Amino acid sequence: DWVQKVAPGFDQRNFMGMNGSDYGGGTPVAVVWRKDAGLAVGHVET
């Protein structure tokens, strides 16, 4: 899933290159949010 609940022990590197021989790339943004507020980080290179 692209959208997941952050459970204890959750750890996802989110490498934008190849994470398998034919699975890779993506949208260079990560977001984490609580019920009241959240943080988003990404890059804006073209």
ModelCIF file with pLDDT and N, C-alpha, C, O atoms, coordinates in Angstrom:
data_MODEL
#
_entry.id   MODEL 
#
_entity.id                         1 
_entity.type                       polymer 
_entity.pdbx_number_of_molecules   1 
#
_entity_poly.entity_id                      1 
_entity_poly.type                           'polypeptide(L)' 
_entity_poly.nstd_linkage                   no 
_entity_poly.nstd_monomer                   no 
_entity_poly.pdbx_seq_one_letter_code       DWVQKVAPGFDQRNFMGMNGSDYGGGTPVAVVWRKDAGLAVGHVET 
_entity_poly.pdbx_seq_one_letter_code_can   DWVQKVAPGFDQRNFMGMNGSDYGGGTPVAVVWRKDAGLAVGHVET 
_entity_poly.pdbx_strand_id                 A 
#
loop_
_entity_poly_seq.entity_id 
_entity_poly_seq.num 
_entity_poly_seq.mon_id 
_entity_poly_seq.hetero 
1 1  ASP n 
1 2  TRP n 
1 3  VAL n 
1 4  GLN n 
1 5  LYS n 
1 6  VAL n 
1 7  ALA n 
1 8  PRO n 
1 9  GLY n 
1 10 PHE n 
1 11 ASP n 
1 12 GLN n 
1 13 ARG n 
1 14 ASN n 
1 15 PHE n 
1 16 MET n 
1 17 GLY n 
1 18 MET n 
1 19 ASN n 
1 20 GLY n 
1 21 SER n 
1 22 ASP n 
1 23 TYR n 
1 24 GLY n 
1 25 GLY n 
1 26 GLY n 
1 27 THR n 
1 28 PRO n 
1 29 VAL n 
1 30 ALA n 
1 31 VAL n 
1 32 VAL n 
1 33 TRP n 
1 34 ARG n 
1 35 LYS n 
1 36 ASP n 
1 37 ALA n 
1 38 GLY n 
1 39 LEU n 
1 40 ALA n 
1 41 VAL n 
1 42 GLY n 
1 43 HIS n 
1 44 VAL n 
1 45 GLU n 
1 46 THR n 
#
_struct_asym.id          A 
_struct_asym.entity_id   1 
#
loop_
_ma_qa_metric.id 
_ma_qa_metric.mode 
_ma_qa_metric.name 
_ma_qa_metric.software_group_id 
_ma_qa_metric.type 
1 global pLDDT . pLDDT 
2 local  pLDDT . pLDDT 
#
_ma_qa_metric_global.metric_id      1 
_ma_qa_metric_global.metric_value   97.57 
_ma_qa_metric_global.model_id       1 
_ma_qa_metric_global.ordinal_id     1 
#
loop_
_ma_qa_metric_local.label_asym_id 
_ma_qa_metric_local.label_comp_id 
_ma_qa_metric_local.label_seq_id 
_ma_qa_metric_local.metric_id 
_ma_qa_metric_local.metric_value 
_ma_qa_metric_local.model_id 
_ma_qa_metric_local.ordinal_id 
A ASP 1  2 97.00 1 1  
A TRP 2  2 98.00 1 2  
A VAL 3  2 98.00 1 3  
A GLN 4  2 98.00 1 4  
A LYS 5  2 98.00 1 5  
A VAL 6  2 98.00 1 6  
A ALA 7  2 97.00 1 7  
A PRO 8  2 96.00 1 8  
A GLY 9  2 97.00 1 9  
A PHE 10 2 98.00 1 10 
A ASP 11 2 98.00 1 11 
A GLN 12 2 98.00 1 12 
A ARG 13 2 98.00 1 13 
A ASN 14 2 98.00 1 14 
A PHE 15 2 98.00 1 15 
A MET 16 2 98.00 1 16 
A GLY 17 2 98.00 1 17 
A MET 18 2 97.00 1 18 
A ASN 19 2 97.00 1 19 
A GLY 20 2 96.00 1 20 
A SER 21 2 95.00 1 21 
A ASP 22 2 95.00 1 22 
A TYR 23 2 96.00 1 23 
A GLY 24 2 97.00 1 24 
A GLY 25 2 97.00 1 25 
A GLY 26 2 98.00 1 26 
A THR 27 2 98.00 1 27 
A PRO 28 2 98.00 1 28 
A VAL 29 2 98.00 1 29 
A ALA 30 2 98.00 1 30 
A VAL 31 2 98.00 1 31 
A VAL 32 2 98.00 1 32 
A TRP 33 2 98.00 1 33 
A ARG 34 2 98.00 1 34 
A LYS 35 2 98.00 1 35 
A ASP 36 2 97.00 1 36 
A ALA 37 2 98.00 1 37 
A GLY 38 2 98.00 1 38 
A LEU 39 2 98.00 1 39 
A ALA 40 2 98.00 1 40 
A VAL 41 2 98.00 1 41 
A GLY 42 2 98.00 1 42 
A HIS 43 2 98.00 1 43 
A VAL 44 2 98.00 1 44 
A GLU 45 2 98.00 1 45 
A THR 46 2 98.00 1 46 
#
loop_
_atom_site.group_PDB 
_atom_site.id 
_atom_site.type_symbol 
_atom_site.label_atom_id 
_atom_site.label_alt_id 
_atom_site.label_comp_id 
_atom_site.label_asym_id 
_atom_site.label_entity_id 
_atom_site.label_seq_id 
_atom_site.pdbx_PDB_ins_code 
_atom_site.Cartn_x 
_atom_site.Cartn_y 
_atom_site.Cartn_z 
_atom_site.occupancy 
_atom_site.B_iso_or_equiv 
_atom_site.pdbx_formal_charge 
_atom_site.auth_seq_id 
_atom_site.auth_comp_id 
_atom_site.auth_asym_id 
_atom_site.auth_atom_id 
_atom_site.pdbx_PDB_model_num 
ATOM 1   N N  . ASP A 1 1  ? 0.838  -1.202 0.000   1.00 97.00 ? 1  ASP A N  1 
ATOM 2   C CA . ASP A 1 1  ? 0.000  0.000  0.000   1.00 97.00 ? 1  ASP A CA 1 
ATOM 3   C C  . ASP A 1 1  ? 0.871  1.250  0.000   1.00 97.00 ? 1  ASP A C  1 
ATOM 4   O O  . ASP A 1 1  ? 1.924  1.289  0.637   1.00 97.00 ? 1  ASP A O  1 
ATOM 5   N N  . TRP A 1 2  ? 0.420  2.264  -0.719  1.00 98.00 ? 2  TRP A N  1 
ATOM 6   C CA . TRP A 1 2  ? 1.110  3.554  -0.677  1.00 98.00 ? 2  TRP A CA 1 
ATOM 7   C C  . TRP A 1 2  ? 0.819  4.281  0.629   1.00 98.00 ? 2  TRP A C  1 
ATOM 8   O O  . TRP A 1 2  ? 1.662  5.024  1.131   1.00 98.00 ? 2  TRP A O  1 
ATOM 9   N N  . VAL A 1 3  ? -0.374 4.066  1.181   1.00 98.00 ? 3  VAL A N  1 
ATOM 10  C CA . VAL A 1 3  ? -0.792 4.699  2.431   1.00 98.00 ? 3  VAL A CA 1 
ATOM 11  C C  . VAL A 1 3  ? -0.862 3.614  3.494   1.00 98.00 ? 3  VAL A C  1 
ATOM 12  O O  . VAL A 1 3  ? -1.590 2.634  3.338   1.00 98.00 ? 3  VAL A O  1 
ATOM 13  N N  . GLN A 1 4  ? -0.099 3.787  4.584   1.00 98.00 ? 4  GLN A N  1 
ATOM 14  C CA . GLN A 1 4  ? -0.019 2.766  5.627   1.00 98.00 ? 4  GLN A CA 1 
ATOM 15  C C  . GLN A 1 4  ? -0.056 3.409  7.012   1.00 98.00 ? 4  GLN A C  1 
ATOM 16  O O  . GLN A 1 4  ? 0.389  4.542  7.197   1.00 98.00 ? 4  GLN A O  1 
ATOM 17  N N  . LYS A 1 5  ? -0.587 2.676  7.967   1.00 98.00 ? 5  LYS A N  1 
ATOM 18  C CA . LYS A 1 5  ? -0.518 3.103  9.361   1.00 98.00 ? 5  LYS A CA 1 
ATOM 19  C C  . LYS A 1 5  ? 0.894  2.838  9.878   1.00 98.00 ? 5  LYS A C  1 
ATOM 20  O O  . LYS A 1 5  ? 1.492  1.809  9.565   1.00 98.00 ? 5  LYS A O  1 
ATOM 21  N N  . VAL A 1 6  ? 1.416  3.763  10.665  1.00 98.00 ? 6  VAL A N  1 
ATOM 22  C CA . VAL A 1 6  ? 2.757  3.606  11.242  1.00 98.00 ? 6  VAL A CA 1 
ATOM 23  C C  . VAL A 1 6  ? 2.619  2.768  12.511  1.00 98.00 ? 6  VAL A C  1 
ATOM 24  O O  . VAL A 1 6  ? 2.225  3.273  13.562  1.00 98.00 ? 6  VAL A O  1 
ATOM 25  N N  . ALA A 1 7  ? 2.945  1.497  12.400  1.00 97.00 ? 7  ALA A N  1 
ATOM 26  C CA . ALA A 1 7  ? 2.862  0.580  13.538  1.00 97.00 ? 7  ALA A CA 1 
ATOM 27  C C  . ALA A 1 7  ? 4.215  0.546  14.254  1.00 97.00 ? 7  ALA A C  1 
ATOM 28  O O  . ALA A 1 7  ? 5.216  0.969  13.675  1.00 97.00 ? 7  ALA A O  1 
ATOM 29  N N  . PRO A 1 8  ? 4.272  0.060  15.484  1.00 96.00 ? 8  PRO A N  1 
ATOM 30  C CA . PRO A 1 8  ? 5.567  -0.089 16.163  1.00 96.00 ? 8  PRO A CA 1 
ATOM 31  C C  . PRO A 1 8  ? 6.523  -0.919 15.312  1.00 96.00 ? 8  PRO A C  1 
ATOM 32  O O  . PRO A 1 8  ? 6.150  -1.973 14.798  1.00 96.00 ? 8  PRO A O  1 
ATOM 33  N N  . GLY A 1 9  ? 7.738  -0.444 15.168  1.00 97.00 ? 9  GLY A N  1 
ATOM 34  C CA . GLY A 1 9  ? 8.723  -1.133 14.351  1.00 97.00 ? 9  GLY A CA 1 
ATOM 35  C C  . GLY A 1 9  ? 8.677  -0.789 12.875  1.00 97.00 ? 9  GLY A C  1 
ATOM 36  O O  . GLY A 1 9  ? 9.507  -1.270 12.103  1.00 97.00 ? 9  GLY A O  1 
ATOM 37  N N  . PHE A 1 10 ? 7.716  0.039  12.470  1.00 98.00 ? 10 PHE A N  1 
ATOM 38  C CA . PHE A 1 10 ? 7.611  0.423  11.066  1.00 98.00 ? 10 PHE A CA 1 
ATOM 39  C C  . PHE A 1 10 ? 8.902  1.104  10.614  1.00 98.00 ? 10 PHE A C  1 
ATOM 40  O O  . PHE A 1 10 ? 9.389  2.021  11.274  1.00 98.00 ? 10 PHE A O  1 
ATOM 41  N N  . ASP A 1 11 ? 9.447  0.657  9.499   1.00 98.00 ? 11 ASP A N  1 
ATOM 42  C CA . ASP A 1 11 ? 10.703 1.215  8.995   1.00 98.00 ? 11 ASP A CA 1 
ATOM 43  C C  . ASP A 1 11 ? 10.752 0.967  7.497   1.00 98.00 ? 11 ASP A C  1 
ATOM 44  O O  . ASP A 1 11 ? 10.910 -0.173 7.061   1.00 98.00 ? 11 ASP A O  1 
ATOM 45  N N  . GLN A 1 12 ? 10.621 2.020  6.709   1.00 98.00 ? 12 GLN A N  1 
ATOM 46  C CA . GLN A 1 12 ? 10.609 1.900  5.254   1.00 98.00 ? 12 GLN A CA 1 
ATOM 47  C C  . GLN A 1 12 ? 11.584 2.912  4.678   1.00 98.00 ? 12 GLN A C  1 
ATOM 48  O O  . GLN A 1 12 ? 11.446 4.116  4.893   1.00 98.00 ? 12 GLN A O  1 
ATOM 49  N N  . ARG A 1 13 ? 12.570 2.411  3.944   1.00 98.00 ? 13 ARG A N  1 
ATOM 50  C CA . ARG A 1 13 ? 13.634 3.278  3.430   1.00 98.00 ? 13 ARG A CA 1 
ATOM 51  C C  . ARG A 1 13 ? 13.139 4.216  2.333   1.00 98.00 ? 13 ARG A C  1 
ATOM 52  O O  . ARG A 1 13 ? 13.565 5.368  2.264   1.00 98.00 ? 13 ARG A O  1 
ATOM 53  N N  . ASN A 1 14 ? 12.254 3.735  1.487   1.00 98.00 ? 14 ASN A N  1 
ATOM 54  C CA . ASN A 1 14 ? 11.697 4.536  0.394   1.00 98.00 ? 14 ASN A CA 1 
ATOM 55  C C  . ASN A 1 14 ? 12.768 5.066  -0.548  1.00 98.00 ? 14 ASN A C  1 
ATOM 56  O O  . ASN A 1 14 ? 12.824 6.259  -0.848  1.00 98.00 ? 14 ASN A O  1 
ATOM 57  N N  . PHE A 1 15 ? 13.619 4.148  -1.010  1.00 98.00 ? 15 PHE A N  1 
ATOM 58  C CA . PHE A 1 15 ? 14.637 4.489  -2.004  1.00 98.00 ? 15 PHE A CA 1 
ATOM 59  C C  . PHE A 1 15 ? 13.949 4.732  -3.335  1.00 98.00 ? 15 PHE A C  1 
ATOM 60  O O  . PHE A 1 15 ? 13.103 3.943  -3.756  1.00 98.00 ? 15 PHE A O  1 
ATOM 61  N N  . MET A 1 16 ? 14.313 5.823  -3.995  1.00 98.00 ? 16 MET A N  1 
ATOM 62  C CA . MET A 1 16 ? 13.679 6.186  -5.253  1.00 98.00 ? 16 MET A CA 1 
ATOM 63  C C  . MET A 1 16 ? 14.278 5.485  -6.456  1.00 98.00 ? 16 MET A C  1 
ATOM 64  O O  . MET A 1 16 ? 13.764 5.624  -7.566  1.00 98.00 ? 16 MET A O  1 
ATOM 65  N N  . GLY A 1 17 ? 15.367 4.724  -6.261  1.00 98.00 ? 17 GLY A N  1 
ATOM 66  C CA . GLY A 1 17 ? 15.925 3.920  -7.339  1.00 98.00 ? 17 GLY A CA 1 
ATOM 67  C C  . GLY A 1 17 ? 15.263 2.565  -7.389  1.00 98.00 ? 17 GLY A C  1 
ATOM 68  O O  . GLY A 1 17 ? 14.077 2.444  -7.084  1.00 98.00 ? 17 GLY A O  1 
ATOM 69  N N  . MET A 1 18 ? 16.005 1.545  -7.765  1.00 97.00 ? 18 MET A N  1 
ATOM 70  C CA . MET A 1 18 ? 15.450 0.209  -7.939  1.00 97.00 ? 18 MET A CA 1 
ATOM 71  C C  . MET A 1 18 ? 15.447 -0.541 -6.615  1.00 97.00 ? 18 MET A C  1 
ATOM 72  O O  . MET A 1 18 ? 16.484 -0.697 -5.971  1.00 97.00 ? 18 MET A O  1 
ATOM 73  N N  . ASN A 1 19 ? 14.259 -1.005 -6.216  1.00 97.00 ? 19 ASN A N  1 
ATOM 74  C CA . ASN A 1 19 ? 14.112 -1.841 -5.029  1.00 97.00 ? 19 ASN A CA 1 
ATOM 75  C C  . ASN A 1 19 ? 13.852 -3.298 -5.402  1.00 97.00 ? 19 ASN A C  1 
ATOM 76  O O  . ASN A 1 19 ? 13.504 -4.113 -4.548  1.00 97.00 ? 19 ASN A O  1 
ATOM 77  N N  . GLY A 1 20 ? 14.020 -3.613 -6.657  1.00 96.00 ? 20 GLY A N  1 
ATOM 78  C CA . GLY A 1 20 ? 13.914 -4.940 -7.227  1.00 96.00 ? 20 GLY A CA 1 
ATOM 79  C C  . GLY A 1 20 ? 14.438 -4.846 -8.638  1.00 96.00 ? 20 GLY A C  1 
ATOM 80  O O  . GLY A 1 20 ? 14.714 -3.745 -9.114  1.00 96.00 ? 20 GLY A O  1 
ATOM 81  N N  . SER A 1 21 ? 14.585 -5.966 -9.324  1.00 95.00 ? 21 SER A N  1 
ATOM 82  C CA . SER A 1 21 ? 15.145 -5.903 -10.674 1.00 95.00 ? 21 SER A CA 1 
ATOM 83  C C  . SER A 1 21 ? 14.277 -5.060 -11.602 1.00 95.00 ? 21 SER A C  1 
ATOM 84  O O  . SER A 1 21 ? 14.790 -4.418 -12.519 1.00 95.00 ? 21 SER A O  1 
ATOM 85  N N  . ASP A 1 22 ? 12.950 -5.058 -11.366 1.00 95.00 ? 22 ASP A N  1 
ATOM 86  C CA . ASP A 1 22 ? 12.054 -4.295 -12.227 1.00 95.00 ? 22 ASP A CA 1 
ATOM 87  C C  . ASP A 1 22 ? 11.023 -3.491 -11.440 1.00 95.00 ? 22 ASP A C  1 
ATOM 88  O O  . ASP A 1 22 ? 9.978  -3.130 -11.980 1.00 95.00 ? 22 ASP A O  1 
ATOM 89  N N  . TYR A 1 23 ? 11.302 -3.215 -10.198 1.00 96.00 ? 23 TYR A N  1 
ATOM 90  C CA . TYR A 1 23 ? 10.442 -2.353 -9.377  1.00 96.00 ? 23 TYR A CA 1 
ATOM 91  C C  . TYR A 1 23 ? 11.289 -1.200 -8.843  1.00 96.00 ? 23 TYR A C  1 
ATOM 92  O O  . TYR A 1 23 ? 12.241 -1.414 -8.092  1.00 96.00 ? 23 TYR A O  1 
ATOM 93  N N  . GLY A 1 24 ? 10.938 0.008  -9.232  1.00 97.00 ? 24 GLY A N  1 
ATOM 94  C CA . GLY A 1 24 ? 11.691 1.163  -8.764  1.00 97.00 ? 24 GLY A CA 1 
ATOM 95  C C  . GLY A 1 24 ? 11.034 2.450  -9.216  1.00 97.00 ? 24 GLY A C  1 
ATOM 96  O O  . GLY A 1 24 ? 9.970  2.436  -9.834  1.00 97.00 ? 24 GLY A O  1 
ATOM 97  N N  . GLY A 1 25 ? 11.679 3.562  -8.903  1.00 97.00 ? 25 GLY A N  1 
ATOM 98  C CA . GLY A 1 25 ? 11.117 4.859  -9.226  1.00 97.00 ? 25 GLY A CA 1 
ATOM 99  C C  . GLY A 1 25 ? 9.925  5.171  -8.336  1.00 97.00 ? 25 GLY A C  1 
ATOM 100 O O  . GLY A 1 25 ? 9.554  4.368  -7.479  1.00 97.00 ? 25 GLY A O  1 
ATOM 101 N N  . GLY A 1 26 ? 9.334  6.324  -8.539  1.00 98.00 ? 26 GLY A N  1 
ATOM 102 C CA . GLY A 1 26 ? 8.175  6.711  -7.740  1.00 98.00 ? 26 GLY A CA 1 
ATOM 103 C C  . GLY A 1 26 ? 8.033  8.211  -7.666  1.00 98.00 ? 26 GLY A C  1 
ATOM 104 O O  . GLY A 1 26 ? 8.603  8.949  -8.470  1.00 98.00 ? 26 GLY A O  1 
ATOM 105 N N  . THR A 1 27 ? 7.269  8.648  -6.694  1.00 98.00 ? 27 THR A N  1 
ATOM 106 C CA . THR A 1 27 ? 7.081  10.076 -6.424  1.00 98.00 ? 27 THR A CA 1 
ATOM 107 C C  . THR A 1 27 ? 7.952  10.455 -5.240  1.00 98.00 ? 27 THR A C  1 
ATOM 108 O O  . THR A 1 27 ? 7.783  9.884  -4.163  1.00 98.00 ? 27 THR A O  1 
ATOM 109 N N  . PRO A 1 28 ? 8.883  11.398 -5.394  1.00 98.00 ? 28 PRO A N  1 
ATOM 110 C CA . PRO A 1 28 ? 9.863  11.681 -4.339  1.00 98.00 ? 28 PRO A CA 1 
ATOM 111 C C  . PRO A 1 28 ? 9.311  12.525 -3.196  1.00 98.00 ? 28 PRO A C  1 
ATOM 112 O O  . PRO A 1 28 ? 9.806  13.615 -2.906  1.00 98.00 ? 28 PRO A O  1 
ATOM 113 N N  . VAL A 1 29 ? 8.271  11.991 -2.554  1.00 98.00 ? 29 VAL A N  1 
ATOM 114 C CA . VAL A 1 29 ? 7.633  12.664 -1.430  1.00 98.00 ? 29 VAL A CA 1 
ATOM 115 C C  . VAL A 1 29 ? 7.279  11.612 -0.389  1.00 98.00 ? 29 VAL A C  1 
ATOM 116 O O  . VAL A 1 29 ? 6.828  10.518 -0.729  1.00 98.00 ? 29 VAL A O  1 
ATOM 117 N N  . ALA A 1 30 ? 7.484  11.944 0.867   1.00 98.00 ? 30 ALA A N  1 
ATOM 118 C CA . ALA A 1 30 ? 6.999  11.123 1.982   1.00 98.00 ? 30 ALA A CA 1 
ATOM 119 C C  . ALA A 1 30 ? 6.203  12.023 2.912   1.00 98.00 ? 30 ALA A C  1 
ATOM 120 O O  . ALA A 1 30 ? 6.536  13.194 3.100   1.00 98.00 ? 30 ALA A O  1 
ATOM 121 N N  . VAL A 1 31 ? 5.147  11.462 3.492   1.00 98.00 ? 31 VAL A N  1 
ATOM 122 C CA . VAL A 1 31 ? 4.282  12.225 4.387   1.00 98.00 ? 31 VAL A CA 1 
ATOM 123 C C  . VAL A 1 31 ? 3.993  11.367 5.607   1.00 98.00 ? 31 VAL A C  1 
ATOM 124 O O  . VAL A 1 31 ? 3.731  10.170 5.487   1.00 98.00 ? 31 VAL A O  1 
ATOM 125 N N  . VAL A 1 32 ? 4.042  11.977 6.766   1.00 98.00 ? 32 VAL A N  1 
ATOM 126 C CA . VAL A 1 32 ? 3.609  11.308 7.991   1.00 98.00 ? 32 VAL A CA 1 
ATOM 127 C C  . VAL A 1 32 ? 2.702  12.281 8.736   1.00 98.00 ? 32 VAL A C  1 
ATOM 128 O O  . VAL A 1 32 ? 3.015  13.464 8.871   1.00 98.00 ? 32 VAL A O  1 
ATOM 129 N N  . TRP A 1 33 ? 1.576  11.764 9.217   1.00 98.00 ? 33 TRP A N  1 
ATOM 130 C CA . TRP A 1 33 ? 0.631  12.685 9.861   1.00 98.00 ? 33 TRP A CA 1 
ATOM 131 C C  . TRP A 1 33 ? -0.047 12.054 11.061  1.00 98.00 ? 33 TRP A C  1 
ATOM 132 O O  . TRP A 1 33 ? -0.291 10.849 11.123  1.00 98.00 ? 33 TRP A O  1 
ATOM 133 N N  . ARG A 1 34 ? -0.340 12.932 12.011  1.00 98.00 ? 34 ARG A N  1 
ATOM 134 C CA . ARG A 1 34 ? -1.161 12.593 13.169  1.00 98.00 ? 34 ARG A CA 1 
ATOM 135 C C  . ARG A 1 34 ? -2.573 13.095 12.900  1.00 98.00 ? 34 ARG A C  1 
ATOM 136 O O  . ARG A 1 34 ? -2.868 13.633 11.833  1.00 98.00 ? 34 ARG A O  1 
ATOM 137 N N  . LYS A 1 35 ? -3.434 12.908 13.888  1.00 98.00 ? 35 LYS A N  1 
ATOM 138 C CA . LYS A 1 35 ? -4.807 13.371 13.741  1.00 98.00 ? 35 LYS A CA 1 
ATOM 139 C C  . LYS A 1 35 ? -4.884 14.891 13.630  1.00 98.00 ? 35 LYS A C  1 
ATOM 140 O O  . LYS A 1 35 ? -5.797 15.429 13.003  1.00 98.00 ? 35 LYS A O  1 
ATOM 141 N N  . ASP A 1 36 ? -3.918 15.578 14.243  1.00 97.00 ? 36 ASP A N  1 
ATOM 142 C CA . ASP A 1 36 ? -3.983 17.036 14.314  1.00 97.00 ? 36 ASP A CA 1 
ATOM 143 C C  . ASP A 1 36 ? -3.011 17.756 13.396  1.00 97.00 ? 36 ASP A C  1 
ATOM 144 O O  . ASP A 1 36 ? -3.209 18.937 13.109  1.00 97.00 ? 36 ASP A O  1 
ATOM 145 N N  . ALA A 1 37 ? -1.966 17.084 12.925  1.00 98.00 ? 37 ALA A N  1 
ATOM 146 C CA . ALA A 1 37 ? -0.957 17.770 12.112  1.00 98.00 ? 37 ALA A CA 1 
ATOM 147 C C  . ALA A 1 37 ? -0.028 16.744 11.481  1.00 98.00 ? 37 ALA A C  1 
ATOM 148 O O  . ALA A 1 37 ? 0.042  15.595 11.918  1.00 98.00 ? 37 ALA A O  1 
ATOM 149 N N  . GLY A 1 38 ? 0.685  17.178 10.445  1.00 98.00 ? 38 GLY A N  1 
ATOM 150 C CA . GLY A 1 38 ? 1.607  16.271 9.780   1.00 98.00 ? 38 GLY A CA 1 
ATOM 151 C C  . GLY A 1 38 ? 2.810  16.986 9.208   1.00 98.00 ? 38 GLY A C  1 
ATOM 152 O O  . GLY A 1 38 ? 2.867  18.215 9.168   1.00 98.00 ? 38 GLY A O  1 
ATOM 153 N N  . LEU A 1 39 ? 3.790  16.178 8.758   1.00 98.00 ? 39 LEU A N  1 
ATOM 154 C CA . LEU A 1 39 ? 4.999  16.660 8.106   1.00 98.00 ? 39 LEU A CA 1 
ATOM 155 C C  . LEU A 1 39 ? 5.136  15.973 6.757   1.00 98.00 ? 39 LEU A C  1 
ATOM 156 O O  . LEU A 1 39 ? 4.851  14.783 6.626   1.00 98.00 ? 39 LEU A O  1 
ATOM 157 N N  . ALA A 1 40 ? 5.567  16.719 5.768   1.00 98.00 ? 40 ALA A N  1 
ATOM 158 C CA . ALA A 1 40 ? 5.865  16.158 4.451   1.00 98.00 ? 40 ALA A CA 1 
ATOM 159 C C  . ALA A 1 40 ? 7.253  16.613 4.036   1.00 98.00 ? 40 ALA A C  1 
ATOM 160 O O  . ALA A 1 40 ? 7.650  17.748 4.299   1.00 98.00 ? 40 ALA A O  1 
ATOM 161 N N  . VAL A 1 41 ? 7.984  15.722 3.387   1.00 98.00 ? 41 VAL A N  1 
ATOM 162 C CA . VAL A 1 41 ? 9.334  16.016 2.902   1.00 98.00 ? 41 VAL A CA 1 
ATOM 163 C C  . VAL A 1 41 ? 9.460  15.439 1.495   1.00 98.00 ? 41 VAL A C  1 
ATOM 164 O O  . VAL A 1 41 ? 8.919  14.371 1.209   1.00 98.00 ? 41 VAL A O  1 
ATOM 165 N N  . GLY A 1 42 ? 10.161 16.134 0.632   1.00 98.00 ? 42 GLY A N  1 
ATOM 166 C CA . GLY A 1 42 ? 10.412 15.620 -0.709  1.00 98.00 ? 42 GLY A CA 1 
ATOM 167 C C  . GLY A 1 42 ? 11.459 16.453 -1.400  1.00 98.00 ? 42 GLY A C  1 
ATOM 168 O O  . GLY A 1 42 ? 12.014 17.380 -0.809  1.00 98.00 ? 42 GLY A O  1 
ATOM 169 N N  . HIS A 1 43 ? 11.737 16.130 -2.657  1.00 98.00 ? 43 HIS A N  1 
ATOM 170 C CA . HIS A 1 43 ? 12.617 17.005 -3.437  1.00 98.00 ? 43 HIS A CA 1 
ATOM 171 C C  . HIS A 1 43 ? 11.855 17.524 -4.650  1.00 98.00 ? 43 HIS A C  1 
ATOM 172 O O  . HIS A 1 43 ? 10.901 16.897 -5.109  1.00 98.00 ? 43 HIS A O  1 
ATOM 173 N N  . VAL A 1 44 ? 12.280 18.667 -5.163  1.00 98.00 ? 44 VAL A N  1 
ATOM 174 C CA . VAL A 1 44 ? 11.575 19.333 -6.255  1.00 98.00 ? 44 VAL A CA 1 
ATOM 175 C C  . VAL A 1 44 ? 12.463 19.456 -7.492  1.00 98.00 ? 44 VAL A C  1 
ATOM 176 O O  . VAL A 1 44 ? 12.281 20.369 -8.298  1.00 98.00 ? 44 VAL A O  1 
ATOM 177 N N  . GLU A 1 45 ? 13.415 18.547 -7.644  1.00 98.00 ? 45 GLU A N  1 
ATOM 178 C CA . GLU A 1 45 ? 14.234 18.525 -8.850  1.00 98.00 ? 45 GLU A CA 1 
ATOM 179 C C  . GLU A 1 45 ? 13.360 18.108 -10.034 1.00 98.00 ? 45 GLU A C  1 
ATOM 180 O O  . GLU A 1 45 ? 12.425 17.323 -9.875  1.00 98.00 ? 45 GLU A O  1 
ATOM 181 N N  . THR A 1 46 ? 13.665 18.630 -11.211 1.00 98.00 ? 46 THR A N  1 
ATOM 182 C CA . THR A 1 46 ? 12.858 18.317 -12.386 1.00 98.00 ? 46 THR A CA 1 
ATOM 183 C C  . THR A 1 46 ? 13.293 17.031 -13.074 1.00 98.00 ? 46 THR A C  1 
ATOM 184 O O  . THR A 1 46 ? 12.702 16.640 -14.081 1.00 98.00 ? 46 THR A O  1 
#
